Structure formats: C-alpha cells, structure tokens
PDB file of N, CA and C in Angstrom:
ATOM      1  N   MET A   1     -76.053 -27.217 -25.068  1.00  0.00           N
ATOM      2  CA  MET A   1     -74.845 -27.597 -24.380  1.00  0.00           C
ATOM      3  C   MET A   1     -75.120 -27.856 -22.903  1.00  0.00           C
ATOM      4  N   LEU A   2     -76.005 -27.063 -22.307  1.00  0.00           N
ATOM      5  CA  LEU A   2     -76.324 -27.268 -20.909  1.00  0.00           C
ATOM      6  C   LEU A   2     -77.113 -28.550 -20.692  1.00  0.00           C
ATOM      7  N   GLU A   3     -77.798 -29.016 -21.730  1.00  0.00           N
ATOM      8  CA  GLU A   3     -78.568 -30.239 -21.613  1.00  0.00           C
ATOM      9  C   GLU A   3     -77.671 -31.438 -21.313  1.00  0.00           C
ATOM     10  N   LYS A   4     -76.425 -31.400 -21.787  1.00  0.00           N
ATOM     11  CA  LYS A   4     -75.512 -32.503 -21.519  1.00  0.00           C
ATOM     12  C   LYS A   4     -75.227 -32.624 -20.030  1.00  0.00           C
ATOM     13  N   TRP A   5     -75.117 -31.488 -19.379  1.00  0.00           N
ATOM     14  CA  TRP A   5     -74.722 -31.478 -17.978  1.00  0.00           C
ATOM     15  C   TRP A   5     -75.903 -31.670 -17.039  1.00  0.00           C
ATOM     16  N   ARG A   6     -77.094 -31.416 -17.528  1.00  0.00           N
ATOM     17  CA  ARG A   6     -78.265 -31.562 -16.679  1.00  0.00           C
ATOM     18  C   ARG A   6     -78.573 -33.041 -16.492  1.00  0.00           C
ATOM     19  N   GLU A   7     -78.751 -33.422 -15.273  1.00  0.00           N
ATOM     20  CA  GLU A   7     -79.036 -34.816 -14.988  1.00  0.00           C
ATOM     21  C   GLU A   7     -80.513 -35.091 -15.278  1.00  0.00           C
ATOM     22  N   LYS A   8     -80.784 -36.164 -15.983  1.00  0.00           N
ATOM     23  CA  LYS A   8     -82.159 -36.475 -16.345  1.00  0.00           C
ATOM     24  C   LYS A   8     -82.876 -37.086 -15.143  1.00  0.00           C
ATOM     25  N   ASN A   9     -84.069 -36.582 -14.907  1.00  0.00           N
ATOM     26  CA  ASN A   9     -84.868 -37.155 -13.830  1.00  0.00           C
ATOM     27  C   ASN A   9     -85.719 -38.299 -14.386  1.00  0.00           C
ATOM     28  N   ARG A  10     -86.532 -38.877 -13.542  1.00  0.00           N
ATOM     29  CA  ARG A  10     -87.318 -40.041 -13.948  1.00  0.00           C
ATOM     30  C   ARG A  10     -88.343 -39.688 -15.015  1.00  0.00           C
ATOM     31  N   LEU A  11     -88.866 -38.479 -14.953  1.00  0.00           N
ATOM     32  CA  LEU A  11     -89.868 -38.062 -15.934  1.00  0.00           C
ATOM     33  C   LEU A  11     -89.244 -37.942 -17.329  1.00  0.00           C
ATOM     34  N   ASP A  12     -88.058 -37.346 -17.392  1.00  0.00           N
ATOM     35  CA  ASP A  12     -87.361 -37.244 -18.682  1.00  0.00           C
ATOM     36  C   ASP A  12     -87.019 -38.625 -19.237  1.00  0.00           C
ATOM     37  N   LYS A  13     -86.620 -39.522 -18.353  1.00  0.00           N
ATOM     38  CA  LYS A  13     -86.307 -40.880 -18.797  1.00  0.00           C
ATOM     39  C   LYS A  13     -87.549 -41.588 -19.326  1.00  0.00           C
ATOM     40  N   ALA A  14     -88.699 -41.355 -18.694  1.00  0.00           N
ATOM     41  CA  ALA A  14     -89.948 -41.968 -19.163  1.00  0.00           C
ATOM     42  C   ALA A  14     -90.330 -41.415 -20.532  1.00  0.00           C
ATOM     43  N   ILE A  15     -90.140 -40.114 -20.739  1.00  0.00           N
ATOM     44  CA  ILE A  15     -90.428 -39.511 -22.042  1.00  0.00           C
ATOM     45  C   ILE A  15     -89.525 -40.104 -23.113  1.00  0.00           C
ATOM     46  N   ASP A  16     -88.251 -40.241 -22.807  1.00  0.00           N
ATOM     47  CA  ASP A  16     -87.311 -40.834 -23.762  1.00  0.00           C
ATOM     48  C   ASP A  16     -87.692 -42.280 -24.084  1.00  0.00           C
ATOM     49  N   GLU A  17     -88.151 -43.001 -23.069  1.00  0.00           N
ATOM     50  CA  GLU A  17     -88.543 -44.388 -23.286  1.00  0.00           C
ATOM     51  C   GLU A  17     -89.752 -44.490 -24.205  1.00  0.00           C
ATOM     52  N   VAL A  18     -90.738 -43.614 -23.989  1.00  0.00           N
ATOM     53  CA  VAL A  18     -91.921 -43.623 -24.848  1.00  0.00           C
ATOM     54  C   VAL A  18     -91.540 -43.257 -26.280  1.00  0.00           C
ATOM     55  N   LEU A  19     -90.667 -42.269 -26.434  1.00  0.00           N
ATOM     56  CA  LEU A  19     -90.243 -41.874 -27.783  1.00  0.00           C
ATOM     57  C   LEU A  19     -89.499 -43.002 -28.495  1.00  0.00           C
ATOM     58  N   SER A  20     -88.669 -43.723 -27.763  1.00  0.00           N
ATOM     59  CA  SER A  20     -87.952 -44.832 -28.398  1.00  0.00           C
ATOM     60  C   SER A  20     -88.907 -45.977 -28.746  1.00  0.00           C
ATOM     61  N   ASP A  21     -89.931 -46.192 -27.917  1.00  0.00           N
ATOM     62  CA  ASP A  21     -90.927 -47.220 -28.233  1.00  0.00           C
ATOM     63  C   ASP A  21     -91.767 -46.832 -29.443  1.00  0.00           C
ATOM     64  N   MET A  22     -91.989 -45.549 -29.640  1.00  0.00           N
ATOM     65  CA  MET A  22     -92.799 -45.084 -30.763  1.00  0.00           C
ATOM     66  C   MET A  22     -92.107 -45.323 -32.102  1.00  0.00           C
ATOM     67  N   ASP A  23     -90.798 -45.473 -32.090  1.00  0.00           N
ATOM     68  CA  ASP A  23     -90.073 -45.698 -33.339  1.00  0.00           C
ATOM     69  C   ASP A  23     -90.470 -47.015 -34.011  1.00  0.00           C
ATOM     70  N   GLY A  24     -90.914 -47.988 -33.228  1.00  0.00           N
ATOM     71  CA  GLY A  24     -91.264 -49.289 -33.780  1.00  0.00           C
ATOM     72  C   GLY A  24     -92.662 -49.368 -34.366  1.00  0.00           C
ATOM     73  N   PHE A  25     -93.443 -48.297 -34.258  1.00  0.00           N
ATOM     74  CA  PHE A  25     -94.822 -48.326 -34.741  1.00  0.00           C
ATOM     75  C   PHE A  25     -95.030 -47.270 -35.814  1.00  0.00           C
ATOM     76  N   THR A  26     -96.078 -47.474 -36.602  1.00  0.00           N
ATOM     77  CA  THR A  26     -96.460 -46.465 -37.588  1.00  0.00           C
ATOM     78  C   THR A  26     -97.620 -45.650 -37.033  1.00  0.00           C
ATOM     79  N   SER A  27     -97.882 -44.521 -37.636  1.00  0.00           N
ATOM     80  CA  SER A  27     -98.880 -43.599 -37.101  1.00  0.00           C
ATOM     81  C   SER A  27    -100.317 -44.086 -37.261  1.00  0.00           C
ATOM     82  N   ASP A  28    -100.551 -45.102 -38.056  1.00  0.00           N
ATOM     83  CA  ASP A  28    -101.920 -45.588 -38.230  1.00  0.00           C
ATOM     84  C   ASP A  28    -102.282 -46.719 -37.273  1.00  0.00           C
ATOM     85  N   GLN A  29    -101.368 -47.138 -36.421  1.00  0.00           N
ATOM     86  CA  GLN A  29    -101.645 -48.220 -35.469  1.00  0.00           C
ATOM     87  C   GLN A  29    -102.247 -47.651 -34.177  1.00  0.00           C
ATOM     88  N   ASP A  30    -103.053 -48.476 -33.501  1.00  0.00           N
ATOM     89  CA  ASP A  30    -103.705 -48.065 -32.258  1.00  0.00           C
ATOM     90  C   ASP A  30    -102.692 -47.846 -31.126  1.00  0.00           C
ATOM     91  N   GLU A  31    -101.673 -48.668 -31.067  1.00  0.00           N
ATOM     92  CA  GLU A  31    -100.669 -48.534 -30.015  1.00  0.00           C
ATOM     93  C   GLU A  31     -99.948 -47.183 -30.112  1.00  0.00           C
ATOM     94  N   TYR A  32     -99.745 -46.734 -31.345  1.00  0.00           N
ATOM     95  CA  TYR A  32     -99.081 -45.449 -31.557  1.00  0.00           C
ATOM     96  C   TYR A  32     -99.925 -44.306 -30.977  1.00  0.00           C
ATOM     97  N   ALA A  33    -101.227 -44.356 -31.180  1.00  0.00           N
ATOM     98  CA  ALA A  33    -102.116 -43.321 -30.648  1.00  0.00           C
ATOM     99  C   ALA A  33    -102.099 -43.329 -29.122  1.00  0.00           C
ATOM    100  N   LYS A  34    -102.070 -44.511 -28.519  1.00  0.00           N
ATOM    101  CA  LYS A  34    -101.993 -44.603 -27.059  1.00  0.00           C
ATOM    102  C   LYS A  34    -100.674 -44.023 -26.540  1.00  0.00           C
ATOM    103  N   MET A  35     -99.604 -44.286 -27.261  1.00  0.00           N
ATOM    104  CA  MET A  35     -98.304 -43.755 -26.853  1.00  0.00           C
ATOM    105  C   MET A  35     -98.266 -42.232 -26.981  1.00  0.00           C
ATOM    106  N   VAL A  36     -98.917 -41.703 -27.990  1.00  0.00           N
ATOM    107  CA  VAL A  36     -98.982 -40.244 -28.153  1.00  0.00           C
ATOM    108  C   VAL A  36     -99.733 -39.623 -26.976  1.00  0.00           C
ATOM    109  N   GLU A  37    -100.847 -40.242 -26.569  1.00  0.00           N
ATOM    110  CA  GLU A  37    -101.590 -39.742 -25.410  1.00  0.00           C
ATOM    111  C   GLU A  37    -100.739 -39.802 -24.149  1.00  0.00           C
ATOM    112  N   HIS A  38    -100.012 -40.897 -23.996  1.00  0.00           N
ATOM    113  CA  HIS A  38     -99.133 -41.052 -22.831  1.00  0.00           C
ATOM    114  C   HIS A  38     -98.020 -39.992 -22.854  1.00  0.00           C
ATOM    115  N   LEU A  39     -97.493 -39.739 -24.034  1.00  0.00           N
ATOM    116  CA  LEU A  39     -96.445 -38.728 -24.175  1.00  0.00           C
ATOM    117  C   LEU A  39     -96.976 -37.331 -23.845  1.00  0.00           C
ATOM    118  N   GLU A  40     -98.192 -37.023 -24.272  1.00  0.00           N
ATOM    119  CA  GLU A  40     -98.801 -35.733 -23.944  1.00  0.00           C
ATOM    120  C   GLU A  40     -98.986 -35.582 -22.437  1.00  0.00           C
ATOM    121  N   THR A  41     -99.398 -36.653 -21.785  1.00  0.00           N
ATOM    122  CA  THR A  41     -99.565 -36.623 -20.326  1.00  0.00           C
ATOM    123  C   THR A  41     -98.230 -36.371 -19.636  1.00  0.00           C
ATOM    124  N   LEU A  42     -97.184 -37.030 -20.104  1.00  0.00           N
ATOM    125  CA  LEU A  42     -95.859 -36.840 -19.507  1.00  0.00           C
ATOM    126  C   LEU A  42     -95.357 -35.411 -19.711  1.00  0.00           C
ATOM    127  N   HIS A  43     -95.615 -34.840 -20.877  1.00  0.00           N
ATOM    128  CA  HIS A  43     -95.190 -33.460 -21.127  1.00  0.00           C
ATOM    129  C   HIS A  43     -95.949 -32.480 -20.234  1.00  0.00           C
ATOM    130  N   LYS A  44     -97.240 -32.732 -20.015  1.00  0.00           N
ATOM    131  CA  LYS A  44     -98.014 -31.873 -19.107  1.00  0.00           C
ATOM    132  C   LYS A  44     -97.465 -31.952 -17.689  1.00  0.00           C
ATOM    133  N   LEU A  45     -97.083 -33.151 -17.266  1.00  0.00           N
ATOM    134  CA  LEU A  45     -96.495 -33.306 -15.936  1.00  0.00           C
ATOM    135  C   LEU A  45     -95.175 -32.556 -15.823  1.00  0.00           C
ATOM    136  N   ARG A  46     -94.373 -32.601 -16.876  1.00  0.00           N
ATOM    137  CA  ARG A  46     -93.091 -31.897 -16.846  1.00  0.00           C
ATOM    138  C   ARG A  46     -93.298 -30.386 -16.821  1.00  0.00           C
ATOM    139  N   GLN A  47     -94.301 -29.892 -17.544  1.00  0.00           N
ATOM    140  CA  GLN A  47     -94.598 -28.459 -17.529  1.00  0.00           C
ATOM    141  C   GLN A  47     -95.080 -28.019 -16.153  1.00  0.00           C
ATOM    142  N   ALA A  48     -95.868 -28.851 -15.480  1.00  0.00           N
ATOM    143  CA  ALA A  48     -96.370 -28.516 -14.146  1.00  0.00           C
ATOM    144  C   ALA A  48     -95.242 -28.523 -13.121  1.00  0.00           C
ATOM    145  N   GLU A  49     -94.181 -29.246 -13.417  1.00  0.00           N
ATOM    146  CA  GLU A  49     -93.049 -29.361 -12.505  1.00  0.00           C
ATOM    147  C   GLU A  49     -92.163 -28.113 -12.514  1.00  0.00           C
ATOM    148  N   LYS A  50     -92.187 -27.357 -13.594  1.00  0.00           N
ATOM    149  CA  LYS A  50     -91.335 -26.179 -13.721  1.00  0.00           C
ATOM    150  C   LYS A  50     -91.824 -25.071 -12.783  1.00  0.00           C
ATOM    151  N   PRO A  51     -90.890 -24.300 -12.217  1.00  0.00           N
ATOM    152  CA  PRO A  51     -91.310 -23.193 -11.349  1.00  0.00           C
ATOM    153  C   PRO A  51     -91.963 -22.079 -12.157  1.00  0.00           C
ATOM    154  N   LYS A  52     -92.959 -21.454 -11.555  1.00  0.00           N
ATOM    155  CA  LYS A  52     -93.678 -20.381 -12.229  1.00  0.00           C
ATOM    156  C   LYS A  52     -92.927 -19.061 -12.034  1.00  0.00           C
ATOM    157  N   PRO A  53     -92.965 -18.188 -13.036  1.00  0.00           N
ATOM    158  CA  PRO A  53     -92.299 -16.883 -12.871  1.00  0.00           C
ATOM    159  C   PRO A  53     -93.050 -16.027 -11.858  1.00  0.00           C
ATOM    160  N   PRO A  54     -92.364 -15.075 -11.230  1.00  0.00           N
ATOM    161  CA  PRO A  54     -93.040 -14.231 -10.241  1.00  0.00           C
ATOM    162  C   PRO A  54     -94.105 -13.357 -10.894  1.00  0.00           C
ATOM    163  N   GLN A  55     -95.123 -12.996 -10.107  1.00  0.00           N
ATOM    164  CA  GLN A  55     -96.196 -12.160 -10.621  1.00  0.00           C
ATOM    165  C   GLN A  55     -95.709 -10.715 -10.703  1.00  0.00           C
ATOM    166  N   TRP A  56     -96.341  -9.936 -11.597  1.00  0.00           N
ATOM    167  CA  TRP A  56     -95.896  -8.570 -11.829  1.00  0.00           C
ATOM    168  C   TRP A  56     -96.087  -7.680 -10.611  1.00  0.00           C
ATOM    169  N   ASP A  57     -97.157  -7.889  -9.849  1.00  0.00           N
ATOM    170  CA  ASP A  57     -97.362  -7.032  -8.684  1.00  0.00           C
ATOM    171  C   ASP A  57     -96.280  -7.259  -7.635  1.00  0.00           C
ATOM    172  N   THR A  58     -95.801  -8.483  -7.504  1.00  0.00           N
ATOM    173  CA  THR A  58     -94.711  -8.774  -6.577  1.00  0.00           C
ATOM    174  C   THR A  58     -93.420  -8.111  -7.033  1.00  0.00           C
ATOM    175  N   VAL A  59     -93.169  -8.165  -8.331  1.00  0.00           N
ATOM    176  CA  VAL A  59     -91.961  -7.533  -8.870  1.00  0.00           C
ATOM    177  C   VAL A  59     -92.018  -6.018  -8.661  1.00  0.00           C
ATOM    178  N   LEU A  60     -93.185  -5.409  -8.898  1.00  0.00           N
ATOM    179  CA  LEU A  60     -93.309  -3.954  -8.730  1.00  0.00           C
ATOM    180  C   LEU A  60     -93.139  -3.533  -7.280  1.00  0.00           C
ATOM    181  N   VAL A  61     -93.677  -4.286  -6.343  1.00  0.00           N
ATOM    182  CA  VAL A  61     -93.514  -3.967  -4.924  1.00  0.00           C
ATOM    183  C   VAL A  61     -92.045  -4.060  -4.527  1.00  0.00           C
ATOM    184  N   THR A  62     -91.358  -5.094  -4.999  1.00  0.00           N
ATOM    185  CA  THR A  62     -89.940  -5.265  -4.676  1.00  0.00           C
ATOM    186  C   THR A  62     -89.109  -4.135  -5.260  1.00  0.00           C
ATOM    187  N   VAL A  63     -89.353  -3.777  -6.500  1.00  0.00           N
ATOM    188  CA  VAL A  63     -88.616  -2.684  -7.131  1.00  0.00           C
ATOM    189  C   VAL A  63     -88.907  -1.367  -6.409  1.00  0.00           C
ATOM    190  N   GLY A  64     -90.158  -1.140  -6.029  1.00  0.00           N
ATOM    191  CA  GLY A  64     -90.517   0.070  -5.296  1.00  0.00           C
ATOM    192  C   GLY A  64     -89.802   0.157  -3.959  1.00  0.00           C
ATOM    193  N   ASN A  65     -89.720  -0.956  -3.253  1.00  0.00           N
ATOM    194  CA  ASN A  65     -89.000  -0.976  -1.975  1.00  0.00           C
ATOM    195  C   ASN A  65     -87.511  -0.681  -2.162  1.00  0.00           C
ATOM    196  N   LEU A  66     -86.910  -1.261  -3.190  1.00  0.00           N
ATOM    197  CA  LEU A  66     -85.481  -1.014  -3.440  1.00  0.00           C
ATOM    198  C   LEU A  66     -85.222   0.439  -3.823  1.00  0.00           C
ATOM    199  N   VAL A  67     -86.115   1.029  -4.604  1.00  0.00           N
ATOM    200  CA  VAL A  67     -85.970   2.445  -4.970  1.00  0.00           C
ATOM    201  C   VAL A  67     -86.099   3.315  -3.727  1.00  0.00           C
ATOM    202  N   GLY A  68     -87.048   3.008  -2.856  1.00  0.00           N
ATOM    203  CA  GLY A  68     -87.214   3.760  -1.619  1.00  0.00           C
ATOM    204  C   GLY A  68     -85.985   3.683  -0.730  1.00  0.00           C
ATOM    205  N   ILE A  69     -85.414   2.516  -0.612  1.00  0.00           N
ATOM    206  CA  ILE A  69     -84.184   2.359   0.180  1.00  0.00           C
ATOM    207  C   ILE A  69     -83.053   3.154  -0.450  1.00  0.00           C
ATOM    208  N   GLY A  70     -82.951   3.124  -1.770  1.00  0.00           N
ATOM    209  CA  GLY A  70     -81.904   3.887  -2.456  1.00  0.00           C
ATOM    210  C   GLY A  70     -82.055   5.386  -2.239  1.00  0.00           C
ATOM    211  N   VAL A  71     -83.287   5.890  -2.260  1.00  0.00           N
ATOM    212  CA  VAL A  71     -83.520   7.318  -2.030  1.00  0.00           C
ATOM    213  C   VAL A  71     -83.107   7.695  -0.609  1.00  0.00           C
ATOM    214  N   ILE A  72     -83.455   6.865   0.352  1.00  0.00           N
ATOM    215  CA  ILE A  72     -83.087   7.152   1.746  1.00  0.00           C
ATOM    216  C   ILE A  72     -81.576   7.140   1.923  1.00  0.00           C
ATOM    217  N   VAL A  73     -80.900   6.182   1.359  1.00  0.00           N
ATOM    218  CA  VAL A  73     -79.439   6.100   1.482  1.00  0.00           C
ATOM    219  C   VAL A  73     -78.776   7.294   0.805  1.00  0.00           C
ATOM    220  N   LYS A  74     -79.261   7.681  -0.363  1.00  0.00           N
ATOM    221  CA  LYS A  74     -78.686   8.833  -1.070  1.00  0.00           C
ATOM    222  C   LYS A  74     -78.913  10.118  -0.277  1.00  0.00           C
ATOM    223  N   TYR A  75     -80.082  10.286   0.330  1.00  0.00           N
ATOM    224  CA  TYR A  75     -80.357  11.466   1.146  1.00  0.00           C
ATOM    225  C   TYR A  75     -79.421  11.514   2.348  1.00  0.00           C
ATOM    226  N   GLU A  76     -79.179  10.379   2.974  1.00  0.00           N
ATOM    227  CA  GLU A  76     -78.285  10.334   4.124  1.00  0.00           C
ATOM    228  C   GLU A  76     -76.845  10.639   3.724  1.00  0.00           C
ATOM    229  N   GLN A  77     -76.450  10.302   2.520  1.00  0.00           N
ATOM    230  CA  GLN A  77     -75.099  10.615   2.065  1.00  0.00           C
ATOM    231  C   GLN A  77     -74.936  12.101   1.770  1.00  0.00           C
ATOM    232  N   MET A  78     -75.950  12.727   1.206  1.00  0.00           N
ATOM    233  CA  MET A  78     -75.847  14.123   0.790  1.00  0.00           C
ATOM    234  C   MET A  78     -76.142  15.103   1.927  1.00  0.00           C
ATOM    235  N   ASN A  79     -77.000  14.752   2.837  1.00  0.00           N
ATOM    236  CA  ASN A  79     -77.422  15.656   3.892  1.00  0.00           C
ATOM    237  C   ASN A  79     -77.082  15.054   5.251  1.00  0.00           C
ATOM    238  N   VAL A  80     -76.599  15.925   6.142  1.00  0.00           N
ATOM    239  CA  VAL A  80     -76.275  15.478   7.478  1.00  0.00           C
ATOM    240  C   VAL A  80     -77.569  15.414   8.275  1.00  0.00           C
ATOM    241  N   ILE A  81     -77.780  14.299   8.898  1.00  0.00           N
ATOM    242  CA  ILE A  81     -78.959  14.153   9.740  1.00  0.00           C
ATOM    243  C   ILE A  81     -78.528  14.446  11.178  1.00  0.00           C
ATOM    244  N   VAL A  82     -79.047  15.528  11.726  1.00  0.00           N
ATOM    245  CA  VAL A  82     -78.672  15.955  13.067  1.00  0.00           C
ATOM    246  C   VAL A  82     -79.708  15.396  14.031  1.00  0.00           C
ATOM    247  N   SER A  83     -79.227  14.650  15.008  1.00  0.00           N
ATOM    248  CA  SER A  83     -80.165  14.111  15.976  1.00  0.00           C
ATOM    249  C   SER A  83     -79.733  14.470  17.396  1.00  0.00           C
ATOM    250  N   LYS A  84     -78.597  13.997  17.848  1.00  0.00           N
ATOM    251  CA  LYS A  84     -78.169  14.225  19.227  1.00  0.00           C
ATOM    252  C   LYS A  84     -77.106  15.312  19.342  1.00  0.00           C
ATOM    253  N   GLY A  85     -76.442  15.609  18.285  1.00  0.00           N
ATOM    254  CA  GLY A  85     -75.371  16.609  18.331  1.00  0.00           C
ATOM    255  C   GLY A  85     -75.870  17.983  18.723  1.00  0.00           C
ATOM    256  N   MET A  86     -76.997  18.400  18.230  1.00  0.00           N
ATOM    257  CA  MET A  86     -77.534  19.724  18.554  1.00  0.00           C
ATOM    258  C   MET A  86     -78.005  19.790  20.005  1.00  0.00           C
ATOM    259  N   ASP A  87     -78.442  18.704  20.556  1.00  0.00           N
ATOM    260  CA  ASP A  87     -78.876  18.696  21.953  1.00  0.00           C
ATOM    261  C   ASP A  87     -77.701  18.971  22.895  1.00  0.00           C
ATOM    262  N   PHE A  88     -76.533  18.448  22.595  1.00  0.00           N
ATOM    263  CA  PHE A  88     -75.371  18.682  23.441  1.00  0.00           C
ATOM    264  C   PHE A  88     -74.947  20.153  23.403  1.00  0.00           C
ATOM    265  N   LEU A  89     -75.041  20.780  22.250  1.00  0.00           N
ATOM    266  CA  LEU A  89     -74.657  22.196  22.134  1.00  0.00           C
ATOM    267  C   LEU A  89     -75.582  23.081  22.970  1.00  0.00           C
ATOM    268  N   LYS A  90     -76.827  22.780  23.012  1.00  0.00           N
ATOM    269  CA  LYS A  90     -77.780  23.579  23.778  1.00  0.00           C
ATOM    270  C   LYS A  90     -77.523  23.460  25.287  1.00  0.00           C
ATOM    271  N   LYS A  91     -77.109  22.309  25.730  1.00  0.00           N
ATOM    272  CA  LYS A  91     -76.860  22.101  27.162  1.00  0.00           C
ATOM    273  C   LYS A  91     -75.587  22.798  27.624  1.00  0.00           C
ATOM    274  N   LEU A  92     -74.615  23.006  26.754  1.00  0.00           N
ATOM    275  CA  LEU A  92     -73.376  23.627  27.133  1.00  0.00           C
ATOM    276  C   LEU A  92     -73.530  25.117  27.411  1.00  0.00           C
ATOM    277  N   LYS A  93     -74.505  25.788  26.932  1.00  0.00           N
ATOM    278  CA  LYS A  93     -74.683  27.213  27.115  1.00  0.00           C
ATOM    279  C   LYS A  93     -74.986  27.527  28.505  1.00  0.00           C
TER     280      LYS A  93
END
C-alpha cells in the first residue's frame, strides 16, 4: 500500500522499463540475457542507494549514555543534592 504513495525515482523507472522490454523476448535469445545483466546492475545500484543500518557498537554506546542519564536523573529526584545551602548555614553561626 505504501508503494502507491512512494514516488518512483529514475532508477525505479529504468528497472520498470527493462522489465517491460523483457516481455517481448524469450529466455533463449541473446538480447534477453543482456537485459537480465542490465537488470542485475540496476538492482545493485538500487541496493547501494539504500541507507545502511547503524552498527551495533554505536547502538550500544547510545543506549549506555541514555541509561547513564536516566540513572543520574533518578538519583537527583530521590536524593537532595546539597551544594550551596549548607554553606549559608555555616556562615550564619
């Protein structure tokens, strides 16, 4: 269903054109073999165009950083961090 809404780029149009041209030939003809090679090349180009998924070490570092931030925030919520308040009490004596 999403394919309907996705706009076809030039590479997809070239693949469709090769596939429609292949309909006029049989598999034992030389032109058909050339078109198959051309189609394989176009598919490789389309695969190279897709974004690569993130590497696992990057994902682990990001998750580790988020967990560390969560631990710090939770500690600050549960425990009062005294920094300047105690200094004022000492000076008043």
